[in-house]
């Protein structure tokens, strides 16, 4: 089992597929991101996106040994199945609308995904049109989470890092963040896949 290596300073995971998960550093208490490439290797990031800065507390064997005593790190490192949802640090809830994300590029990890039906105005008329979409709860780090809506065709999973540019749409009579294109980022390969 890969967890046994943590006590000797070798961060490993048995998940078998890539996953990024927000967590708290057991050394300094900072909000960080656990990432496994799915082949056993583990790294901790301070931020999502290029240049993927590693969290300094957990880049040494001593830091990894300290992490081996963390229940939160162990719970993520010993996952055998991709989670269907990821709890946010400190019990945070995603904001239903965050105007600071409008017309900006956002890097985040998908923590929840749900198929939803919303209504939007058809052109400039009062007639409303049914819209089937995915509601994604995203965690961007530094105690910030937001909900965005994407087309139903988007192929994204909980635990993936994505890059989106959000626009504002009125859905079901309220402003909401929307994006037509989702880029899935793979930190270990610096690869982008548009879905």
N, C-alpha and C. Protein backbone atom coordinates (compact mmCIF):
# COMPACT_ATOMS: atom_id res chain seq x y z
N UNK A 1 0.84 -1.18 0.00
CA UNK A 1 0.00 0.00 0.00
C UNK A 1 0.89 1.25 0.00
N UNK A 2 0.53 2.22 -0.82
CA UNK A 2 1.33 3.43 -0.98
C UNK A 2 1.42 4.25 0.30
N UNK A 3 0.40 4.21 1.15
CA UNK A 3 0.40 5.04 2.36
C UNK A 3 1.59 4.70 3.27
N UNK A 4 2.03 3.47 3.27
CA UNK A 4 3.15 3.07 4.13
C UNK A 4 4.41 3.87 3.81
N UNK A 5 4.59 4.30 2.58
CA UNK A 5 5.77 5.07 2.19
C UNK A 5 5.80 6.48 2.77
N UNK A 6 4.65 7.01 3.18
CA UNK A 6 4.59 8.39 3.70
C UNK A 6 5.46 8.55 4.95
N UNK A 7 5.45 7.57 5.82
CA UNK A 7 6.22 7.66 7.06
C UNK A 7 7.73 7.70 6.80
N UNK A 8 8.15 7.27 5.62
CA UNK A 8 9.57 7.34 5.27
C UNK A 8 9.87 8.52 4.35
N UNK A 9 8.84 9.37 4.08
CA UNK A 9 9.05 10.57 3.28
C UNK A 9 8.78 10.42 1.80
N UNK A 10 8.03 9.38 1.40
CA UNK A 10 7.70 9.16 0.00
C UNK A 10 6.19 9.27 -0.19
N UNK A 11 5.74 10.44 -0.70
CA UNK A 11 4.31 10.69 -0.91
C UNK A 11 3.82 9.88 -2.11
N UNK A 12 2.85 8.99 -1.86
CA UNK A 12 2.31 8.12 -2.90
C UNK A 12 0.80 8.03 -2.74
N UNK A 13 0.12 7.59 -3.80
CA UNK A 13 -1.32 7.39 -3.80
C UNK A 13 -1.65 6.15 -4.61
N UNK A 14 -2.68 5.43 -4.20
CA UNK A 14 -3.11 4.22 -4.89
C UNK A 14 -4.34 4.43 -5.78
N UNK A 15 -4.75 5.68 -6.01
CA UNK A 15 -6.01 5.93 -6.70
C UNK A 15 -6.06 5.34 -8.11
N UNK A 16 -4.99 5.45 -8.87
CA UNK A 16 -4.98 4.88 -10.21
C UNK A 16 -5.51 5.80 -11.29
N UNK A 17 -5.88 7.02 -10.95
CA UNK A 17 -6.31 8.01 -11.94
C UNK A 17 -6.01 9.41 -11.39
N UNK A 18 -5.82 10.40 -12.26
CA UNK A 18 -5.50 11.74 -11.78
C UNK A 18 -6.61 12.33 -10.91
N UNK A 19 -6.21 13.07 -9.89
CA UNK A 19 -7.17 13.72 -8.98
C UNK A 19 -6.48 14.89 -8.30
N UNK A 20 -7.19 16.01 -8.23
CA UNK A 20 -6.74 17.16 -7.47
C UNK A 20 -7.79 17.42 -6.40
N UNK A 21 -7.33 17.70 -5.18
CA UNK A 21 -8.23 17.80 -4.03
C UNK A 21 -7.75 18.92 -3.11
N UNK A 22 -8.60 19.88 -2.77
CA UNK A 22 -8.18 20.90 -1.81
C UNK A 22 -7.98 20.28 -0.43
N UNK A 23 -7.00 20.79 0.29
CA UNK A 23 -6.74 20.31 1.65
C UNK A 23 -5.99 21.39 2.41
N UNK A 24 -5.61 21.08 3.62
CA UNK A 24 -4.87 22.01 4.48
C UNK A 24 -3.50 21.42 4.77
N UNK A 25 -2.46 22.24 4.68
CA UNK A 25 -1.11 21.77 4.98
C UNK A 25 -1.02 21.44 6.47
N UNK A 26 -0.60 20.22 6.82
CA UNK A 26 -0.49 19.84 8.23
C UNK A 26 0.70 20.50 8.93
N UNK A 27 1.58 21.15 8.17
CA UNK A 27 2.75 21.80 8.76
C UNK A 27 2.44 23.26 9.10
N UNK A 28 1.94 24.02 8.11
CA UNK A 28 1.74 25.47 8.32
C UNK A 28 0.29 25.91 8.36
N UNK A 29 -0.66 25.03 7.99
CA UNK A 29 -2.08 25.38 8.02
C UNK A 29 -2.59 26.10 6.79
N UNK A 30 -1.77 26.26 5.75
CA UNK A 30 -2.19 26.95 4.53
C UNK A 30 -3.16 26.08 3.73
N UNK A 31 -4.04 26.74 2.97
CA UNK A 31 -4.90 26.02 2.03
C UNK A 31 -4.03 25.64 0.83
N UNK A 32 -4.03 24.36 0.48
CA UNK A 32 -3.20 23.85 -0.61
C UNK A 32 -4.01 22.84 -1.42
N UNK A 33 -3.40 22.32 -2.48
CA UNK A 33 -4.05 21.33 -3.33
C UNK A 33 -3.20 20.07 -3.41
N UNK A 34 -3.78 18.95 -3.02
CA UNK A 34 -3.19 17.62 -3.19
C UNK A 34 -3.42 17.23 -4.64
N UNK A 35 -2.41 16.69 -5.32
CA UNK A 35 -2.60 16.19 -6.68
C UNK A 35 -1.85 14.87 -6.85
N UNK A 36 -2.56 13.89 -7.41
CA UNK A 36 -1.91 12.65 -7.83
C UNK A 36 -2.11 12.51 -9.33
N UNK A 37 -1.08 12.02 -10.00
CA UNK A 37 -1.16 11.83 -11.45
C UNK A 37 -1.86 10.52 -11.81
N UNK A 38 -2.23 9.74 -10.84
CA UNK A 38 -2.89 8.47 -11.09
C UNK A 38 -1.94 7.29 -11.18
N UNK A 39 -0.65 7.57 -11.21
CA UNK A 39 0.36 6.51 -11.28
C UNK A 39 1.09 6.34 -9.96
N UNK A 40 0.54 6.90 -8.89
CA UNK A 40 1.15 6.76 -7.58
C UNK A 40 1.79 8.02 -7.05
N UNK A 41 2.30 8.87 -7.95
CA UNK A 41 3.00 10.08 -7.52
C UNK A 41 2.04 11.12 -6.95
N UNK A 42 2.52 11.87 -5.94
CA UNK A 42 1.74 12.92 -5.28
C UNK A 42 2.57 14.18 -5.22
N UNK A 43 1.91 15.33 -5.41
CA UNK A 43 2.54 16.64 -5.24
C UNK A 43 1.49 17.57 -4.62
N UNK A 44 1.96 18.60 -3.92
CA UNK A 44 1.07 19.58 -3.30
C UNK A 44 1.34 20.94 -3.93
N UNK A 45 0.28 21.60 -4.41
CA UNK A 45 0.40 22.90 -5.05
C UNK A 45 -0.16 24.00 -4.16
N UNK A 46 0.47 25.18 -4.26
CA UNK A 46 -0.07 26.38 -3.60
C UNK A 46 -1.20 26.98 -4.43
N UNK A 47 -1.07 26.93 -5.75
CA UNK A 47 -2.05 27.52 -6.67
C UNK A 47 -2.26 26.58 -7.84
N UNK A 48 -3.40 26.78 -8.51
CA UNK A 48 -3.71 25.99 -9.70
C UNK A 48 -3.32 26.77 -10.94
N UNK A 49 -2.71 26.12 -11.90
CA UNK A 49 -2.32 26.76 -13.14
C UNK A 49 -0.83 27.04 -13.20
N UNK A 50 -0.39 27.32 -14.41
CA UNK A 50 1.01 27.57 -14.66
C UNK A 50 1.52 28.67 -13.77
N UNK A 51 2.66 28.54 -13.11
CA UNK A 51 3.69 27.51 -13.24
C UNK A 51 3.53 26.36 -12.23
N UNK A 52 2.31 26.16 -11.68
CA UNK A 52 2.04 25.09 -10.73
C UNK A 52 3.01 25.13 -9.55
N UNK A 53 3.00 26.20 -8.75
CA UNK A 53 3.95 26.31 -7.64
C UNK A 53 3.71 25.24 -6.57
N UNK A 54 4.76 24.52 -6.25
CA UNK A 54 4.68 23.48 -5.22
C UNK A 54 4.69 24.11 -3.83
N UNK A 55 3.96 23.48 -2.92
CA UNK A 55 3.92 23.97 -1.54
C UNK A 55 5.21 23.55 -0.84
N UNK A 56 6.01 24.52 -0.35
CA UNK A 56 7.36 24.20 0.16
C UNK A 56 7.37 23.28 1.38
N UNK A 57 6.36 23.33 2.23
CA UNK A 57 6.37 22.48 3.43
C UNK A 57 6.38 21.00 3.08
N UNK A 58 5.79 20.65 1.93
CA UNK A 58 5.62 19.25 1.59
C UNK A 58 6.44 18.84 0.37
N UNK A 59 7.57 19.49 0.19
CA UNK A 59 8.49 19.10 -0.89
C UNK A 59 9.69 18.33 -0.35
N UNK A 60 9.76 18.17 0.97
CA UNK A 60 10.89 17.46 1.58
C UNK A 60 10.41 16.17 2.23
N UNK A 61 11.33 15.26 2.45
CA UNK A 61 10.98 14.01 3.14
C UNK A 61 10.47 14.28 4.54
N UNK A 62 11.07 15.26 5.25
CA UNK A 62 10.60 15.60 6.61
C UNK A 62 9.16 16.09 6.58
N UNK A 63 8.83 16.95 5.62
CA UNK A 63 7.47 17.46 5.50
C UNK A 63 6.47 16.36 5.20
N UNK A 64 6.85 15.44 4.34
CA UNK A 64 5.97 14.32 3.99
C UNK A 64 5.77 13.40 5.20
N UNK A 65 6.82 13.22 5.99
CA UNK A 65 6.67 12.42 7.22
C UNK A 65 5.68 13.08 8.18
N UNK A 66 5.74 14.40 8.31
CA UNK A 66 4.77 15.12 9.15
C UNK A 66 3.36 14.92 8.58
N UNK A 67 3.23 15.00 7.25
CA UNK A 67 1.93 14.82 6.60
C UNK A 67 1.35 13.43 6.86
N UNK A 68 2.23 12.44 7.11
CA UNK A 68 1.74 11.08 7.35
C UNK A 68 0.92 10.98 8.63
N UNK A 69 1.03 11.98 9.50
CA UNK A 69 0.22 12.00 10.72
C UNK A 69 -1.09 12.75 10.57
N UNK A 70 -1.34 13.30 9.38
CA UNK A 70 -2.56 14.09 9.14
C UNK A 70 -3.70 13.18 8.67
N UNK A 71 -4.81 13.21 9.40
CA UNK A 71 -5.98 12.41 9.00
C UNK A 71 -6.56 12.92 7.68
N UNK A 72 -6.55 14.25 7.47
CA UNK A 72 -7.10 14.82 6.24
C UNK A 72 -6.28 14.37 5.02
N UNK A 73 -4.96 14.41 5.13
CA UNK A 73 -4.10 13.99 4.02
C UNK A 73 -4.27 12.50 3.78
N UNK A 74 -4.32 11.73 4.85
CA UNK A 74 -4.47 10.28 4.70
C UNK A 74 -5.79 9.93 4.00
N UNK A 75 -6.86 10.65 4.35
CA UNK A 75 -8.17 10.37 3.74
C UNK A 75 -8.12 10.56 2.23
N UNK A 76 -7.38 11.55 1.76
CA UNK A 76 -7.27 11.80 0.32
C UNK A 76 -6.28 10.84 -0.32
N UNK A 77 -5.13 10.64 0.30
CA UNK A 77 -4.08 9.80 -0.28
C UNK A 77 -4.47 8.34 -0.38
N UNK A 78 -5.40 7.89 0.45
CA UNK A 78 -5.76 6.47 0.43
C UNK A 78 -7.07 6.20 -0.32
N UNK A 79 -7.57 7.19 -1.06
CA UNK A 79 -8.77 6.96 -1.88
C UNK A 79 -8.49 5.87 -2.91
N UNK A 80 -9.47 5.01 -3.13
CA UNK A 80 -9.37 3.97 -4.15
C UNK A 80 -10.34 4.20 -5.29
N UNK A 81 -11.28 5.16 -5.09
CA UNK A 81 -12.29 5.49 -6.08
C UNK A 81 -12.42 7.01 -6.12
N UNK A 82 -12.56 7.57 -7.33
CA UNK A 82 -12.76 9.02 -7.47
C UNK A 82 -14.02 9.42 -6.71
N UNK A 83 -13.95 10.45 -5.87
CA UNK A 83 -15.13 10.88 -5.12
C UNK A 83 -16.17 11.53 -6.04
N UNK A 84 -17.43 11.46 -5.65
CA UNK A 84 -18.50 12.12 -6.41
C UNK A 84 -18.67 13.57 -5.96
N UNK A 85 -18.12 13.91 -4.82
CA UNK A 85 -18.06 15.30 -4.36
C UNK A 85 -16.88 15.42 -3.40
N UNK A 86 -16.37 16.64 -3.29
CA UNK A 86 -15.23 16.91 -2.43
C UNK A 86 -15.64 17.98 -1.43
N UNK A 87 -15.47 17.72 -0.13
CA UNK A 87 -15.82 18.75 0.85
C UNK A 87 -14.86 19.94 0.74
N UNK A 88 -15.41 21.11 0.92
CA UNK A 88 -14.59 22.32 0.87
C UNK A 88 -13.97 22.59 2.23
N UNK A 89 -12.75 23.14 2.24
CA UNK A 89 -12.09 23.44 3.52
C UNK A 89 -12.95 24.36 4.39
N UNK A 90 -12.97 24.06 5.68
CA UNK A 90 -13.69 24.90 6.64
C UNK A 90 -15.19 24.95 6.46
N UNK A 91 -15.79 23.99 5.76
CA UNK A 91 -17.23 23.98 5.58
C UNK A 91 -17.75 25.06 4.66
N UNK A 92 -16.89 25.63 3.84
CA UNK A 92 -17.26 26.69 2.90
C UNK A 92 -18.34 26.20 1.94
N UNK A 93 -19.24 27.08 1.54
CA UNK A 93 -20.24 26.78 0.51
C UNK A 93 -19.95 27.62 -0.72
N UNK A 94 -20.19 27.08 -1.92
CA UNK A 94 -19.93 27.88 -3.12
C UNK A 94 -20.91 29.05 -3.23
N UNK A 95 -20.39 30.21 -3.64
CA UNK A 95 -21.24 31.37 -3.88
C UNK A 95 -22.11 31.09 -5.10
N UNK A 96 -23.38 31.42 -5.02
CA UNK A 96 -24.27 31.21 -6.16
C UNK A 96 -23.91 32.14 -7.31
N UNK A 97 -23.34 33.30 -7.00
CA UNK A 97 -22.90 34.23 -8.03
C UNK A 97 -21.77 35.07 -7.46
N UNK A 98 -20.68 35.16 -8.18
CA UNK A 98 -19.54 35.98 -7.76
C UNK A 98 -19.18 36.91 -8.91
N UNK A 99 -19.56 38.19 -8.83
CA UNK A 99 -19.29 39.11 -9.93
C UNK A 99 -17.80 39.28 -10.22
N UNK A 100 -16.93 38.98 -9.24
CA UNK A 100 -15.49 39.09 -9.47
C UNK A 100 -14.98 38.07 -10.48
N UNK A 101 -15.75 37.01 -10.74
CA UNK A 101 -15.33 35.98 -11.71
C UNK A 101 -15.80 36.29 -13.13
N UNK A 102 -16.71 37.27 -13.28
CA UNK A 102 -17.26 37.59 -14.60
C UNK A 102 -16.17 38.14 -15.51
N UNK A 103 -16.15 37.64 -16.73
CA UNK A 103 -15.21 38.08 -17.77
C UNK A 103 -13.75 37.91 -17.36
N UNK A 104 -13.48 36.95 -16.53
CA UNK A 104 -12.10 36.66 -16.10
C UNK A 104 -11.81 35.17 -16.29
N UNK A 105 -10.52 34.88 -16.43
CA UNK A 105 -10.09 33.48 -16.49
C UNK A 105 -10.01 32.97 -15.06
N UNK A 106 -10.63 31.83 -14.81
CA UNK A 106 -10.67 31.23 -13.48
C UNK A 106 -10.04 29.84 -13.56
N UNK A 107 -9.08 29.57 -12.67
CA UNK A 107 -8.51 28.23 -12.50
C UNK A 107 -9.11 27.66 -11.23
N UNK A 108 -9.65 26.45 -11.30
CA UNK A 108 -10.32 25.89 -10.13
C UNK A 108 -10.36 24.37 -10.22
N UNK A 109 -10.63 23.74 -9.08
CA UNK A 109 -10.86 22.31 -9.05
C UNK A 109 -12.37 22.08 -8.91
N UNK A 110 -12.90 21.14 -9.68
CA UNK A 110 -14.32 20.81 -9.63
C UNK A 110 -14.56 19.99 -8.35
N UNK A 111 -15.43 20.50 -7.47
CA UNK A 111 -15.71 19.79 -6.22
C UNK A 111 -17.10 19.15 -6.21
N UNK A 112 -17.99 19.62 -7.07
CA UNK A 112 -19.32 19.00 -7.23
C UNK A 112 -19.80 19.23 -8.65
N UNK A 113 -20.64 18.32 -9.10
CA UNK A 113 -21.21 18.41 -10.45
C UNK A 113 -22.62 17.87 -10.39
N UNK A 114 -23.57 18.63 -10.99
CA UNK A 114 -24.96 18.20 -10.95
C UNK A 114 -25.67 18.64 -12.23
N UNK A 115 -26.46 17.74 -12.81
CA UNK A 115 -27.29 18.09 -13.96
C UNK A 115 -28.48 18.90 -13.45
N UNK A 116 -28.75 20.03 -14.12
CA UNK A 116 -29.84 20.91 -13.69
C UNK A 116 -30.63 21.40 -14.90
N UNK A 117 -31.83 21.87 -14.64
CA UNK A 117 -32.65 22.54 -15.63
C UNK A 117 -32.84 23.97 -15.16
N UNK A 118 -32.52 24.92 -16.03
CA UNK A 118 -32.72 26.34 -15.74
C UNK A 118 -33.50 26.94 -16.89
N UNK A 119 -33.96 28.15 -16.70
CA UNK A 119 -34.72 28.84 -17.73
C UNK A 119 -34.00 30.13 -18.09
N UNK A 120 -34.00 30.46 -19.37
CA UNK A 120 -33.39 31.71 -19.80
C UNK A 120 -34.31 32.39 -20.80
N UNK A 121 -34.19 33.72 -20.89
CA UNK A 121 -35.00 34.48 -21.83
C UNK A 121 -34.60 34.12 -23.26
N UNK A 122 -35.58 34.03 -24.12
CA UNK A 122 -35.32 33.72 -25.53
C UNK A 122 -35.19 35.05 -26.28
N UNK A 123 -33.93 35.42 -26.57
CA UNK A 123 -33.68 36.71 -27.22
C UNK A 123 -34.06 37.84 -26.29
N UNK A 124 -34.72 38.85 -26.83
CA UNK A 124 -35.16 40.00 -26.03
C UNK A 124 -36.61 39.87 -25.59
N UNK A 125 -37.23 38.71 -25.83
CA UNK A 125 -38.64 38.55 -25.50
C UNK A 125 -38.82 38.10 -24.05
N UNK A 126 -40.07 38.05 -23.64
CA UNK A 126 -40.39 37.56 -22.30
C UNK A 126 -40.58 36.04 -22.30
N UNK A 127 -40.49 35.44 -23.47
CA UNK A 127 -40.63 33.98 -23.57
C UNK A 127 -39.36 33.34 -23.01
N UNK A 128 -39.58 32.32 -22.18
CA UNK A 128 -38.43 31.65 -21.56
C UNK A 128 -38.18 30.32 -22.24
N UNK A 129 -36.90 29.97 -22.31
CA UNK A 129 -36.47 28.74 -22.97
C UNK A 129 -35.82 27.83 -21.93
N UNK A 130 -36.15 26.56 -22.00
CA UNK A 130 -35.57 25.56 -21.09
C UNK A 130 -34.10 25.34 -21.45
N UNK A 131 -33.25 25.24 -20.43
CA UNK A 131 -31.81 25.02 -20.64
C UNK A 131 -31.35 23.89 -19.74
N UNK A 132 -30.86 22.82 -20.35
CA UNK A 132 -30.26 21.71 -19.60
C UNK A 132 -28.78 22.02 -19.49
N UNK A 133 -28.23 21.96 -18.28
CA UNK A 133 -26.84 22.34 -18.07
C UNK A 133 -26.25 21.52 -16.93
N UNK A 134 -24.94 21.66 -16.77
CA UNK A 134 -24.25 21.13 -15.60
C UNK A 134 -23.95 22.29 -14.67
N UNK A 135 -24.28 22.14 -13.41
CA UNK A 135 -23.90 23.11 -12.39
C UNK A 135 -22.63 22.58 -11.74
N UNK A 136 -21.55 23.34 -11.85
CA UNK A 136 -20.27 22.94 -11.27
C UNK A 136 -19.97 23.80 -10.06
N UNK A 137 -19.65 23.18 -8.94
CA UNK A 137 -19.14 23.91 -7.79
C UNK A 137 -17.63 23.85 -7.92
N UNK A 138 -16.99 25.01 -7.91
CA UNK A 138 -15.55 25.12 -8.12
C UNK A 138 -14.88 25.70 -6.89
N UNK A 139 -13.69 25.19 -6.58
CA UNK A 139 -12.88 25.75 -5.51
C UNK A 139 -11.64 26.35 -6.14
N UNK A 140 -11.43 27.65 -5.92
CA UNK A 140 -10.31 28.35 -6.53
C UNK A 140 -9.13 28.50 -5.58
N UNK A 141 -9.33 28.18 -4.32
CA UNK A 141 -8.29 28.36 -3.32
C UNK A 141 -8.56 29.60 -2.50
N UNK A 142 -7.73 29.83 -1.51
CA UNK A 142 -7.85 30.96 -0.58
C UNK A 142 -9.28 31.20 -0.12
N UNK A 143 -9.92 30.12 0.31
CA UNK A 143 -11.25 30.18 0.91
C UNK A 143 -12.30 30.77 -0.04
N UNK A 144 -12.24 30.38 -1.32
CA UNK A 144 -13.17 30.91 -2.30
C UNK A 144 -13.73 29.79 -3.17
N UNK A 145 -15.05 29.72 -3.22
CA UNK A 145 -15.73 28.72 -4.05
C UNK A 145 -16.90 29.40 -4.75
N UNK A 146 -17.18 28.94 -5.96
CA UNK A 146 -18.23 29.56 -6.77
C UNK A 146 -18.94 28.50 -7.61
N UNK A 147 -20.18 28.78 -7.98
CA UNK A 147 -20.94 27.89 -8.85
C UNK A 147 -20.95 28.49 -10.26
N UNK A 148 -20.67 27.64 -11.25
CA UNK A 148 -20.80 28.07 -12.64
C UNK A 148 -21.62 27.03 -13.39
N UNK A 149 -22.17 27.45 -14.51
CA UNK A 149 -22.97 26.57 -15.35
C UNK A 149 -22.26 26.39 -16.68
N UNK A 150 -22.30 25.15 -17.18
CA UNK A 150 -21.65 24.79 -18.43
C UNK A 150 -22.62 23.95 -19.25
N UNK A 151 -22.40 23.86 -20.58
CA UNK A 151 -23.28 23.03 -21.40
C UNK A 151 -23.25 21.57 -20.93
N UNK A 152 -24.35 20.90 -21.11
CA UNK A 152 -24.48 19.50 -20.69
C UNK A 152 -23.43 18.61 -21.37
N UNK A 153 -22.97 18.98 -22.55
CA UNK A 153 -22.01 18.16 -23.30
C UNK A 153 -20.61 18.17 -22.69
N UNK A 154 -20.34 19.11 -21.78
CA UNK A 154 -18.99 19.22 -21.20
C UNK A 154 -18.66 17.94 -20.44
N UNK A 155 -17.49 17.42 -20.69
CA UNK A 155 -17.03 16.20 -20.03
C UNK A 155 -16.02 16.58 -18.95
N UNK A 156 -16.51 16.78 -17.75
CA UNK A 156 -15.65 17.12 -16.62
C UNK A 156 -16.00 16.21 -15.45
N UNK A 157 -15.02 15.97 -14.61
CA UNK A 157 -15.22 15.11 -13.45
C UNK A 157 -14.82 15.84 -12.19
N UNK A 158 -15.41 15.43 -11.09
CA UNK A 158 -15.01 15.94 -9.78
C UNK A 158 -13.53 15.60 -9.59
N UNK A 159 -12.77 16.58 -9.10
CA UNK A 159 -11.35 16.37 -8.87
C UNK A 159 -10.47 16.79 -10.03
N UNK A 160 -11.06 17.30 -11.12
CA UNK A 160 -10.26 17.81 -12.24
C UNK A 160 -10.02 19.30 -12.06
N UNK A 161 -8.87 19.76 -12.53
CA UNK A 161 -8.56 21.18 -12.55
C UNK A 161 -9.01 21.72 -13.90
N UNK A 162 -9.76 22.81 -13.87
CA UNK A 162 -10.25 23.40 -15.12
C UNK A 162 -9.88 24.87 -15.19
N UNK A 163 -9.87 25.36 -16.42
CA UNK A 163 -9.71 26.79 -16.67
C UNK A 163 -10.92 27.21 -17.50
N UNK A 164 -11.62 28.26 -17.03
CA UNK A 164 -12.80 28.76 -17.71
C UNK A 164 -12.77 30.29 -17.73
N UNK A 165 -13.45 30.86 -18.71
CA UNK A 165 -13.71 32.29 -18.72
C UNK A 165 -15.21 32.43 -18.59
N UNK A 166 -15.66 33.04 -17.50
CA UNK A 166 -17.08 33.11 -17.18
C UNK A 166 -17.72 34.38 -17.71
N UNK A 167 -18.90 34.23 -18.26
CA UNK A 167 -19.72 35.38 -18.62
C UNK A 167 -20.94 35.36 -17.71
N UNK A 168 -21.70 36.44 -17.72
CA UNK A 168 -22.89 36.52 -16.88
C UNK A 168 -24.11 36.29 -17.76
N UNK A 169 -24.96 35.37 -17.34
CA UNK A 169 -26.23 35.09 -18.00
C UNK A 169 -27.33 35.14 -16.95
N UNK A 170 -28.51 35.48 -17.39
CA UNK A 170 -29.64 35.39 -16.48
C UNK A 170 -30.24 34.00 -16.65
N UNK A 171 -30.21 33.23 -15.56
CA UNK A 171 -30.77 31.88 -15.56
C UNK A 171 -31.82 31.81 -14.46
N UNK A 172 -33.00 31.39 -14.82
CA UNK A 172 -34.11 31.28 -13.87
C UNK A 172 -34.32 32.59 -13.11
N UNK A 173 -34.18 33.71 -13.83
CA UNK A 173 -34.48 35.02 -13.25
C UNK A 173 -33.39 35.62 -12.38
N UNK A 174 -32.20 34.99 -12.33
CA UNK A 174 -31.10 35.53 -11.51
C UNK A 174 -29.81 35.53 -12.31
N UNK A 175 -28.88 36.43 -11.97
CA UNK A 175 -27.59 36.39 -12.67
C UNK A 175 -26.82 35.13 -12.27
N UNK A 176 -26.15 34.54 -13.25
CA UNK A 176 -25.37 33.33 -13.01
C UNK A 176 -24.12 33.38 -13.88
N UNK A 177 -23.09 32.66 -13.44
CA UNK A 177 -21.86 32.56 -14.23
C UNK A 177 -21.99 31.40 -15.21
N UNK A 178 -21.62 31.65 -16.45
CA UNK A 178 -21.75 30.67 -17.53
C UNK A 178 -20.46 30.64 -18.33
N UNK A 179 -20.12 29.46 -18.83
CA UNK A 179 -19.03 29.34 -19.79
C UNK A 179 -19.41 28.29 -20.82
N UNK A 180 -19.05 28.54 -22.08
CA UNK A 180 -19.31 27.58 -23.15
C UNK A 180 -18.20 26.56 -23.29
N UNK A 181 -16.98 26.94 -22.87
CA UNK A 181 -15.81 26.08 -23.07
C UNK A 181 -15.10 25.83 -21.75
N UNK A 182 -14.77 24.58 -21.51
CA UNK A 182 -14.05 24.19 -20.31
C UNK A 182 -12.73 23.55 -20.75
N UNK A 183 -11.63 24.05 -20.22
CA UNK A 183 -10.32 23.44 -20.48
C UNK A 183 -9.93 22.64 -19.25
N UNK A 184 -9.69 21.34 -19.44
CA UNK A 184 -9.22 20.49 -18.35
C UNK A 184 -7.70 20.56 -18.37
N UNK A 185 -7.11 20.93 -17.24
CA UNK A 185 -5.66 21.08 -17.13
C UNK A 185 -5.07 19.87 -16.41
N UNK A 186 -3.98 19.36 -16.92
CA UNK A 186 -3.28 18.25 -16.30
C UNK A 186 -1.92 18.75 -15.85
N UNK A 187 -1.76 19.05 -14.55
CA UNK A 187 -0.53 19.68 -14.09
C UNK A 187 0.73 18.86 -14.34
N UNK A 188 0.65 17.56 -14.23
CA UNK A 188 1.86 16.76 -14.38
C UNK A 188 2.35 16.69 -15.81
N UNK A 189 1.49 16.98 -16.77
CA UNK A 189 1.90 16.94 -18.17
C UNK A 189 1.81 18.31 -18.83
N UNK A 190 1.33 19.33 -18.08
CA UNK A 190 1.08 20.67 -18.63
C UNK A 190 0.27 20.58 -19.90
N UNK A 191 -0.72 19.70 -19.88
CA UNK A 191 -1.53 19.43 -21.06
C UNK A 191 -2.90 20.05 -20.88
N UNK A 192 -3.44 20.59 -21.94
CA UNK A 192 -4.79 21.13 -21.92
C UNK A 192 -5.67 20.30 -22.83
N UNK A 193 -6.85 19.99 -22.37
CA UNK A 193 -7.82 19.28 -23.17
C UNK A 193 -9.11 20.10 -23.14
N UNK A 194 -9.57 20.57 -24.29
CA UNK A 194 -10.79 21.36 -24.35
C UNK A 194 -11.97 20.40 -24.46
N UNK A 195 -12.95 20.59 -23.55
CA UNK A 195 -14.15 19.73 -23.57
C UNK A 195 -15.39 20.58 -23.69
